[in-house]
Amino acid sequence: MITVDEIKRVLPHRYPMLLVDRVTELVPGERASGLKAVTCNEPWYEAVPDDAPAEAYHYPWTVLLESWCHVAGVLVAWEEPNPDVLDGMAMLLGGVTDAGFHRPVLPGDVVEHHVRLARQVGETYMFEGESLVGDATVLTVGRLVMTMRPAAELKAPAGEVT
């Protein structure tokens, strides 16, 4: 079991964008599973009025996918952590295909993410997997590409405006 303090030693994400609470399984080079407990105290719900219907609390699909990606990030970076994106290797999302969103996630749900490393070519990783709430599939990911690049290569040359 990998707790949030250990996750913060691996990933650069912090509140409000640290979107995985615990990694429950990690097999380096193969797969990882993690949990995200959704609560009504998250920043995306701040503007929801008190009299809003339940569907107003639908967890944003993009945030759900980002949470799944955090488990993939732990899988990639576990053996060589780098929580400082300005130095060392930086983790970059390359793209997502065949993502399916199957039912809303609401406050009170505990999302269980399952990530499998389908292929690795050098510092580029291809993942697949799904997310569940109980027995219900809420997200499927057909392919997600992530790559690691030296942070120094991503900095703008001196004098260049980005």
Protein backbone atom coordinates (compact mmCIF):
# COMPACT_ATOMS: atom_id res chain seq x y z
CA MET A 1 0.00 0.00 0.00
CA ILE A 2 1.43 3.35 -1.07
CA THR A 3 0.06 6.28 0.93
CA VAL A 4 -0.29 9.94 -0.06
CA ASP A 5 3.00 10.96 1.57
CA GLU A 6 4.84 8.40 -0.60
CA ILE A 7 2.89 9.45 -3.71
CA LYS A 8 4.02 13.06 -3.11
CA ARG A 9 7.62 11.84 -3.18
CA VAL A 10 7.04 10.45 -6.69
CA LEU A 11 4.66 12.93 -8.39
CA PRO A 12 4.92 16.74 -8.56
CA HIS A 13 1.16 17.21 -8.06
CA ARG A 14 -0.22 18.94 -4.95
CA TYR A 15 -3.61 20.23 -3.81
CA PRO A 16 -5.91 20.73 -5.60
CA MET A 17 -4.44 18.58 -8.37
CA LEU A 18 -3.14 15.56 -6.47
CA LEU A 19 -5.94 13.26 -7.54
CA VAL A 20 -5.00 9.86 -6.13
CA ASP A 21 -5.28 9.08 -2.42
CA ARG A 22 -3.62 5.69 -2.29
CA VAL A 23 -1.96 3.16 -4.58
CA THR A 24 -3.18 -0.30 -3.59
CA GLU A 25 -1.12 -2.38 -6.01
CA LEU A 26 2.12 -1.71 -7.84
CA VAL A 27 4.00 -4.17 -10.02
CA PRO A 28 6.79 -2.11 -11.62
CA GLY A 29 6.84 -2.42 -15.40
CA GLU A 30 3.41 -4.09 -15.44
CA ARG A 31 0.45 -2.58 -13.59
CA ALA A 32 -0.84 -0.42 -10.77
CA SER A 33 -4.15 0.21 -9.01
CA GLY A 34 -5.13 3.21 -6.96
CA LEU A 35 -8.01 4.85 -5.12
CA LYS A 36 -9.57 8.30 -5.32
CA ALA A 37 -12.26 9.18 -2.78
CA VAL A 38 -14.52 11.88 -4.24
CA THR A 39 -15.87 14.42 -1.75
CA CYS A 40 -18.15 17.44 -2.03
CA ASN A 41 -15.32 19.62 -0.68
CA GLU A 42 -13.31 19.53 -3.92
CA PRO A 43 -12.71 22.84 -5.74
CA TRP A 44 -14.83 21.95 -8.80
CA TYR A 45 -17.92 21.99 -6.58
CA GLU A 46 -17.26 25.41 -5.05
CA ALA A 47 -19.72 27.25 -7.32
CA VAL A 48 -22.49 24.64 -7.16
CA PRO A 49 -25.50 26.30 -5.50
CA ASP A 50 -27.04 24.73 -2.40
CA ASP A 51 -30.27 23.91 -4.26
CA ALA A 52 -28.54 22.24 -7.23
CA PRO A 53 -29.69 18.79 -8.31
CA ALA A 54 -27.45 15.74 -7.72
CA GLU A 55 -26.23 15.76 -11.34
CA ALA A 56 -24.58 19.15 -10.70
CA TYR A 57 -22.09 17.22 -8.57
CA HIS A 58 -21.00 15.00 -11.46
CA TYR A 59 -17.22 14.64 -11.11
CA PRO A 60 -15.66 16.29 -14.19
CA TRP A 61 -14.67 13.69 -16.81
CA THR A 62 -11.34 15.40 -17.44
CA VAL A 63 -10.49 15.29 -13.73
CA LEU A 64 -11.47 11.60 -13.56
CA LEU A 65 -9.10 10.85 -16.44
CA GLU A 66 -6.36 12.94 -14.81
CA SER A 67 -6.79 10.94 -11.61
CA TRP A 68 -6.32 7.71 -13.60
CA CYS A 69 -3.18 9.27 -15.13
CA HIS A 70 -1.75 9.89 -11.67
CA VAL A 71 -1.78 6.15 -11.02
CA ALA A 72 -0.01 5.67 -14.36
CA GLY A 73 2.50 8.32 -13.28
CA VAL A 74 3.27 6.46 -10.07
CA LEU A 75 3.79 3.28 -12.11
CA VAL A 76 6.27 5.06 -14.42
CA ALA A 77 8.16 7.06 -11.79
CA TRP A 78 8.14 4.74 -8.78
CA GLU A 79 11.68 3.43 -9.26
CA GLU A 80 13.11 6.85 -10.24
CA PRO A 81 10.92 9.49 -8.56
CA ASN A 82 11.21 13.14 -9.47
CA PRO A 83 8.64 15.41 -7.82
CA ASP A 84 10.46 18.52 -9.14
CA VAL A 85 9.38 19.13 -12.75
CA LEU A 86 12.01 21.84 -13.19
CA ASP A 87 14.87 19.39 -12.80
CA GLY A 88 15.52 15.81 -13.92
CA MET A 89 12.89 14.06 -16.01
CA ALA A 90 9.48 15.61 -16.64
CA MET A 91 6.39 13.49 -17.27
CA LEU A 92 4.36 14.54 -20.33
CA LEU A 93 1.00 13.30 -21.58
CA GLY A 94 1.18 12.45 -25.27
CA GLY A 95 -2.44 11.61 -25.98
CA VAL A 96 -5.49 9.50 -25.20
CA THR A 97 -7.55 7.37 -27.56
CA ASP A 98 -10.65 5.28 -27.01
CA ALA A 99 -11.55 6.76 -23.65
CA GLY A 100 -15.08 5.91 -22.62
CA PHE A 101 -17.04 7.56 -19.81
CA HIS A 102 -19.78 5.20 -18.68
CA ARG A 103 -21.58 6.66 -15.68
CA PRO A 104 -21.28 9.75 -13.49
CA VAL A 105 -19.06 9.73 -10.42
CA LEU A 106 -20.51 11.64 -7.47
CA PRO A 107 -19.32 12.74 -4.02
CA GLY A 108 -19.20 9.74 -1.73
CA ASP A 109 -17.91 7.44 -4.50
CA VAL A 110 -14.55 5.75 -4.16
CA VAL A 111 -13.02 5.29 -7.59
CA GLU A 112 -10.68 2.35 -8.13
CA HIS A 113 -8.29 2.95 -11.03
CA HIS A 114 -6.61 0.03 -12.82
CA VAL A 115 -3.65 0.86 -15.08
CA ARG A 116 -1.75 -1.64 -17.22
CA LEU A 117 1.47 -0.89 -19.09
CA ALA A 118 0.73 -2.21 -22.57
CA ARG A 119 4.03 -1.23 -24.16
CA GLN A 120 7.21 0.73 -23.52
CA VAL A 121 9.52 2.14 -26.19
CA GLY A 122 12.48 3.90 -24.57
CA GLU A 123 11.04 6.64 -22.37
CA THR A 124 7.57 6.45 -23.97
CA TYR A 125 4.88 4.43 -22.21
CA MET A 126 1.52 3.19 -23.52
CA PHE A 127 -1.18 2.31 -21.00
CA GLU A 128 -4.66 0.86 -20.98
CA GLY A 129 -7.14 0.25 -18.20
CA GLU A 130 -10.33 1.22 -16.47
CA SER A 131 -11.86 2.80 -13.38
CA LEU A 132 -14.61 1.32 -11.25
CA VAL A 133 -16.98 2.47 -8.54
CA GLY A 134 -17.95 -0.75 -6.81
CA ASP A 135 -18.69 -3.20 -9.62
CA ALA A 136 -19.66 -0.47 -12.12
CA THR A 137 -17.18 0.64 -14.78
CA VAL A 138 -17.08 4.44 -14.92
CA LEU A 139 -14.09 4.93 -17.26
CA THR A 140 -12.26 2.84 -19.84
CA VAL A 141 -8.97 3.90 -21.41
CA GLY A 142 -8.08 2.15 -24.66
CA ARG A 143 -4.68 3.80 -24.99
CA LEU A 144 -2.86 6.57 -23.16
CA VAL A 145 0.64 7.65 -24.17
CA MET A 146 3.02 9.23 -21.67
CA THR A 147 6.66 10.14 -22.16
CA MET A 148 9.51 11.24 -19.96
CA ARG A 149 11.76 14.06 -21.18
CA PRO A 150 14.65 15.94 -19.57
CA ALA A 151 13.21 19.07 -17.98
CA ALA A 152 16.15 21.09 -19.32
CA GLU A 153 14.97 20.38 -22.89
CA LEU A 154 11.56 21.87 -22.10
CA LYS A 155 12.83 25.22 -20.82
CA ALA A 156 12.72 28.17 -23.19
CA PRO A 157 16.13 29.51 -24.24
CA ALA A 158 17.26 32.67 -22.43
CA GLY A 159 15.48 35.74 -23.77
CA GLU A 160 12.72 33.77 -25.53
CA VAL A 161 9.16 34.54 -24.47
CA THR A 162 6.92 31.52 -24.07
